[in-house]
């Protein structure tokens, strides 16, 4: 059975990550199955995905949402332990998620 990690912002469950793999230390990637994601968090994830595609780091200086939404992102591993991560990058085209 494949490893399934869970993505959280604060205590809000956002979806499952299957088959996580190290791609380029410290970056990991996995197949993402989103759960119920509220509109505001969906906008945060979309904004960061767009910034990642554009390679324009200047955009990171002034995100269009409250700063507290950039904190408290976690991955819960199959053993139940939570690990803090940066805001993940969701690729809707191929259904993957990347984080560090």
N, C-alpha and C. Protein backbone atom coordinates (compact mmCIF):
# COMPACT_ATOMS: atom_id res chain seq x y z
N UNK A 1 0.84 -1.19 0.00
CA UNK A 1 0.00 0.00 0.00
C UNK A 1 0.88 1.25 0.00
N UNK A 2 0.50 2.22 -0.80
CA UNK A 2 1.27 3.45 -0.93
C UNK A 2 1.15 4.32 0.31
N UNK A 3 2.22 5.06 0.59
CA UNK A 3 2.16 6.02 1.68
C UNK A 3 1.19 7.13 1.33
N UNK A 4 0.36 7.50 2.29
CA UNK A 4 -0.55 8.63 2.10
C UNK A 4 -0.29 9.65 3.19
N UNK A 5 0.10 10.85 2.77
CA UNK A 5 0.29 11.96 3.68
C UNK A 5 -0.97 12.81 3.60
N UNK A 6 -1.20 13.62 4.62
CA UNK A 6 -2.35 14.53 4.64
C UNK A 6 -1.84 15.96 4.72
N UNK A 7 -2.46 16.84 3.95
CA UNK A 7 -2.10 18.25 3.93
C UNK A 7 -3.06 19.02 4.83
N UNK A 8 -2.49 19.89 5.67
CA UNK A 8 -3.29 20.73 6.57
C UNK A 8 -2.80 22.17 6.51
N UNK A 9 -3.75 23.08 6.67
CA UNK A 9 -3.42 24.44 7.06
C UNK A 9 -4.06 24.60 8.43
N UNK A 10 -3.24 24.93 9.42
CA UNK A 10 -3.68 24.96 10.81
C UNK A 10 -4.27 23.58 11.10
N UNK A 11 -5.52 23.51 11.53
CA UNK A 11 -6.12 22.20 11.76
C UNK A 11 -7.14 21.85 10.67
N UNK A 12 -7.09 22.57 9.57
CA UNK A 12 -8.03 22.32 8.48
C UNK A 12 -7.41 21.35 7.47
N UNK A 13 -8.04 20.19 7.32
CA UNK A 13 -7.61 19.17 6.37
C UNK A 13 -7.89 19.64 4.95
N UNK A 14 -6.87 19.54 4.06
CA UNK A 14 -7.03 20.04 2.70
C UNK A 14 -6.95 18.97 1.62
N UNK A 15 -6.42 17.79 1.96
CA UNK A 15 -6.35 16.73 0.96
C UNK A 15 -5.28 15.71 1.26
N UNK A 16 -5.22 14.69 0.39
CA UNK A 16 -4.26 13.59 0.54
C UNK A 16 -3.15 13.71 -0.49
N UNK A 17 -1.96 13.29 -0.07
CA UNK A 17 -0.80 13.24 -0.95
C UNK A 17 -0.34 11.79 -0.99
N UNK A 18 -0.31 11.21 -2.19
CA UNK A 18 0.11 9.83 -2.34
C UNK A 18 1.49 9.76 -2.98
N UNK A 19 2.22 8.73 -2.62
CA UNK A 19 3.53 8.44 -3.19
C UNK A 19 4.50 9.62 -3.14
N UNK A 20 4.70 10.22 -1.97
CA UNK A 20 5.65 11.35 -1.88
C UNK A 20 7.07 10.88 -2.20
N UNK A 21 7.78 11.74 -2.94
CA UNK A 21 9.15 11.42 -3.34
C UNK A 21 10.02 12.66 -3.25
N UNK A 22 11.26 12.46 -2.85
CA UNK A 22 12.25 13.54 -2.85
C UNK A 22 12.65 13.79 -4.29
N UNK A 23 12.54 15.05 -4.76
CA UNK A 23 12.92 15.33 -6.15
C UNK A 23 14.21 16.13 -6.25
N UNK A 24 14.43 17.03 -5.33
CA UNK A 24 15.63 17.84 -5.31
C UNK A 24 15.71 18.45 -3.92
N UNK A 25 16.54 17.88 -3.06
CA UNK A 25 16.58 18.28 -1.66
C UNK A 25 16.52 19.79 -1.53
N UNK A 26 15.63 20.33 -0.74
CA UNK A 26 14.70 19.70 0.19
C UNK A 26 13.29 19.50 -0.37
N UNK A 27 13.11 19.60 -1.69
CA UNK A 27 11.78 19.55 -2.31
C UNK A 27 11.27 18.12 -2.46
N UNK A 28 9.98 17.95 -2.15
CA UNK A 28 9.29 16.68 -2.34
C UNK A 28 8.10 16.91 -3.26
N UNK A 29 7.64 15.83 -3.89
CA UNK A 29 6.48 15.89 -4.77
C UNK A 29 5.63 14.65 -4.55
N UNK A 30 4.33 14.78 -4.74
CA UNK A 30 3.44 13.65 -4.63
C UNK A 30 2.17 13.92 -5.43
N UNK A 31 1.37 12.89 -5.60
CA UNK A 31 0.08 13.03 -6.28
C UNK A 31 -0.93 13.57 -5.28
N UNK A 32 -1.66 14.62 -5.67
CA UNK A 32 -2.53 15.33 -4.74
C UNK A 32 -4.00 15.09 -5.08
N UNK A 33 -4.75 14.69 -4.06
CA UNK A 33 -6.20 14.57 -4.15
C UNK A 33 -6.79 15.58 -3.17
N UNK A 34 -7.30 16.71 -3.68
CA UNK A 34 -7.81 17.72 -2.76
C UNK A 34 -9.09 17.28 -2.06
N UNK A 35 -9.25 17.77 -0.83
CA UNK A 35 -10.48 17.60 -0.08
C UNK A 35 -11.29 18.88 -0.23
N UNK A 36 -12.09 19.19 0.78
CA UNK A 36 -12.84 20.45 0.81
C UNK A 36 -11.86 21.57 1.16
N UNK A 37 -11.62 22.46 0.23
CA UNK A 37 -10.72 23.59 0.47
C UNK A 37 -11.55 24.86 0.35
N UNK A 38 -11.56 25.66 1.43
CA UNK A 38 -12.38 26.87 1.36
C UNK A 38 -11.80 27.84 0.35
N UNK A 39 -12.63 28.78 -0.06
CA UNK A 39 -12.28 29.70 -1.14
C UNK A 39 -10.99 30.46 -0.86
N UNK A 40 -10.82 30.96 0.35
CA UNK A 40 -9.65 31.77 0.68
C UNK A 40 -8.36 30.95 0.57
N UNK A 41 -8.35 29.72 1.09
CA UNK A 41 -7.15 28.88 0.99
C UNK A 41 -6.91 28.43 -0.44
N UNK A 42 -7.97 28.20 -1.20
CA UNK A 42 -7.82 27.85 -2.61
C UNK A 42 -7.15 29.00 -3.37
N UNK A 43 -7.52 30.23 -3.03
CA UNK A 43 -6.90 31.40 -3.66
C UNK A 43 -5.42 31.51 -3.29
N UNK A 44 -5.07 31.19 -2.05
CA UNK A 44 -3.66 31.21 -1.62
C UNK A 44 -2.87 30.20 -2.44
N UNK A 45 -3.38 28.97 -2.52
CA UNK A 45 -2.69 27.92 -3.26
C UNK A 45 -2.56 28.29 -4.74
N UNK A 46 -3.61 28.84 -5.32
CA UNK A 46 -3.56 29.24 -6.72
C UNK A 46 -2.55 30.36 -6.95
N UNK A 47 -2.53 31.33 -6.04
CA UNK A 47 -1.60 32.45 -6.17
C UNK A 47 -0.15 31.96 -6.13
N UNK A 48 0.17 31.08 -5.18
CA UNK A 48 1.54 30.57 -5.09
C UNK A 48 1.91 29.70 -6.29
N UNK A 49 0.95 28.96 -6.83
CA UNK A 49 1.21 28.17 -8.04
C UNK A 49 1.52 29.10 -9.21
N UNK A 50 0.77 30.19 -9.33
CA UNK A 50 1.03 31.15 -10.40
C UNK A 50 2.38 31.82 -10.25
N UNK A 51 2.76 32.17 -9.02
CA UNK A 51 4.07 32.78 -8.78
C UNK A 51 5.18 31.79 -9.12
N UNK A 52 5.00 30.52 -8.76
CA UNK A 52 6.01 29.50 -9.07
C UNK A 52 6.19 29.35 -10.58
N UNK A 53 5.10 29.45 -11.32
CA UNK A 53 5.19 29.34 -12.78
C UNK A 53 5.87 30.55 -13.40
N UNK A 54 5.68 31.73 -12.82
CA UNK A 54 6.20 32.95 -13.42
C UNK A 54 7.67 33.19 -13.09
N UNK A 55 8.18 32.56 -12.04
CA UNK A 55 9.56 32.77 -11.59
C UNK A 55 9.85 34.24 -11.24
N UNK A 56 8.81 35.00 -10.89
CA UNK A 56 8.98 36.40 -10.52
C UNK A 56 8.92 36.51 -9.00
N UNK A 57 10.08 36.46 -8.35
CA UNK A 57 10.14 36.49 -6.89
C UNK A 57 9.65 37.81 -6.30
N UNK A 58 9.57 38.87 -7.11
CA UNK A 58 9.08 40.15 -6.61
C UNK A 58 7.63 40.04 -6.15
N UNK A 59 6.86 39.13 -6.77
CA UNK A 59 5.46 38.94 -6.38
C UNK A 59 5.33 38.46 -4.94
N UNK A 60 6.33 37.74 -4.45
CA UNK A 60 6.28 37.19 -3.10
C UNK A 60 6.28 38.28 -2.04
N UNK A 61 6.73 39.47 -2.38
CA UNK A 61 6.84 40.55 -1.41
C UNK A 61 5.49 41.10 -0.97
N UNK A 62 4.47 40.95 -1.79
CA UNK A 62 3.19 41.57 -1.50
C UNK A 62 2.02 40.64 -1.87
N UNK A 63 1.84 39.54 -1.13
CA UNK A 63 0.72 38.65 -1.46
C UNK A 63 -0.61 39.33 -1.21
N UNK A 64 -1.64 39.01 -2.02
CA UNK A 64 -2.94 39.68 -1.92
C UNK A 64 -3.90 39.01 -0.93
N UNK A 65 -3.37 38.57 0.21
CA UNK A 65 -4.19 37.92 1.23
C UNK A 65 -3.51 38.14 2.58
N UNK A 66 -4.20 37.89 3.68
CA UNK A 66 -3.60 38.11 5.00
C UNK A 66 -2.34 37.26 5.22
N UNK A 67 -1.34 37.87 5.82
CA UNK A 67 -0.05 37.20 6.04
C UNK A 67 -0.18 35.93 6.87
N UNK A 68 -1.17 35.86 7.77
CA UNK A 68 -1.30 34.66 8.61
C UNK A 68 -1.61 33.40 7.79
N UNK A 69 -2.06 33.57 6.55
CA UNK A 69 -2.34 32.41 5.71
C UNK A 69 -1.07 31.78 5.15
N UNK A 70 0.07 32.42 5.36
CA UNK A 70 1.33 31.84 4.90
C UNK A 70 1.98 30.97 5.98
N UNK A 71 1.42 30.97 7.17
CA UNK A 71 1.96 30.17 8.28
C UNK A 71 1.06 28.97 8.56
N UNK A 72 1.57 28.04 9.35
CA UNK A 72 0.81 26.90 9.86
C UNK A 72 0.42 25.87 8.80
N UNK A 73 1.27 25.65 7.82
CA UNK A 73 1.06 24.59 6.83
C UNK A 73 1.79 23.34 7.33
N UNK A 74 1.10 22.20 7.24
CA UNK A 74 1.65 20.94 7.76
C UNK A 74 1.37 19.78 6.83
N UNK A 75 2.25 18.80 6.92
CA UNK A 75 2.03 17.49 6.32
C UNK A 75 1.92 16.52 7.49
N UNK A 76 0.89 15.70 7.49
CA UNK A 76 0.77 14.64 8.49
C UNK A 76 1.17 13.33 7.83
N UNK A 77 2.19 12.71 8.38
CA UNK A 77 2.72 11.46 7.83
C UNK A 77 1.83 10.29 8.27
N UNK A 78 1.98 9.14 7.62
CA UNK A 78 1.15 7.98 7.97
C UNK A 78 1.22 7.57 9.44
N UNK A 79 2.33 7.88 10.11
CA UNK A 79 2.46 7.53 11.53
C UNK A 79 1.79 8.55 12.45
N UNK A 80 1.15 9.58 11.86
CA UNK A 80 0.43 10.58 12.65
C UNK A 80 1.25 11.79 13.04
N UNK A 81 2.55 11.77 12.79
CA UNK A 81 3.39 12.91 13.12
C UNK A 81 3.21 14.02 12.09
N UNK A 82 3.15 15.25 12.58
CA UNK A 82 3.01 16.41 11.70
C UNK A 82 4.35 17.11 11.53
N UNK A 83 4.58 17.57 10.32
CA UNK A 83 5.81 18.27 9.99
C UNK A 83 5.45 19.59 9.32
N UNK A 84 5.98 20.69 9.85
CA UNK A 84 5.73 22.01 9.26
C UNK A 84 6.39 22.08 7.89
N UNK A 85 5.68 22.73 6.94
CA UNK A 85 6.20 22.89 5.59
C UNK A 85 5.97 24.33 5.14
N UNK A 86 6.61 24.68 4.03
CA UNK A 86 6.30 25.96 3.39
C UNK A 86 4.97 25.79 2.64
N UNK A 87 4.45 26.87 2.12
CA UNK A 87 3.20 26.76 1.37
C UNK A 87 3.47 25.86 0.16
N UNK A 88 2.65 24.83 -0.01
CA UNK A 88 2.89 23.91 -1.12
C UNK A 88 2.45 24.51 -2.46
N UNK A 89 3.02 23.95 -3.52
CA UNK A 89 2.68 24.37 -4.87
C UNK A 89 1.86 23.25 -5.51
N UNK A 90 0.61 23.55 -5.82
CA UNK A 90 -0.28 22.56 -6.44
C UNK A 90 -0.26 22.78 -7.95
N UNK A 91 0.01 21.70 -8.67
CA UNK A 91 -0.02 21.74 -10.13
C UNK A 91 -1.31 21.06 -10.57
N UNK A 92 -2.29 21.86 -10.93
CA UNK A 92 -3.60 21.32 -11.31
C UNK A 92 -3.53 20.53 -12.62
N UNK A 93 -2.57 20.88 -13.49
CA UNK A 93 -2.47 20.20 -14.78
C UNK A 93 -2.12 18.73 -14.64
N UNK A 94 -1.18 18.43 -13.75
CA UNK A 94 -0.78 17.02 -13.62
C UNK A 94 -1.19 16.40 -12.28
N UNK A 95 -1.91 17.16 -11.43
CA UNK A 95 -2.42 16.61 -10.18
C UNK A 95 -1.38 16.34 -9.12
N UNK A 96 -0.27 17.11 -9.17
CA UNK A 96 0.78 16.91 -8.17
C UNK A 96 0.86 18.11 -7.23
N UNK A 97 1.59 17.89 -6.14
CA UNK A 97 1.85 18.94 -5.16
C UNK A 97 3.33 18.86 -4.80
N UNK A 98 3.95 20.01 -4.66
CA UNK A 98 5.37 20.09 -4.33
C UNK A 98 5.50 20.92 -3.07
N UNK A 99 6.39 20.50 -2.18
CA UNK A 99 6.60 21.23 -0.92
C UNK A 99 8.01 21.00 -0.41
N UNK A 100 8.36 21.80 0.59
CA UNK A 100 9.63 21.62 1.30
C UNK A 100 9.43 21.93 2.75
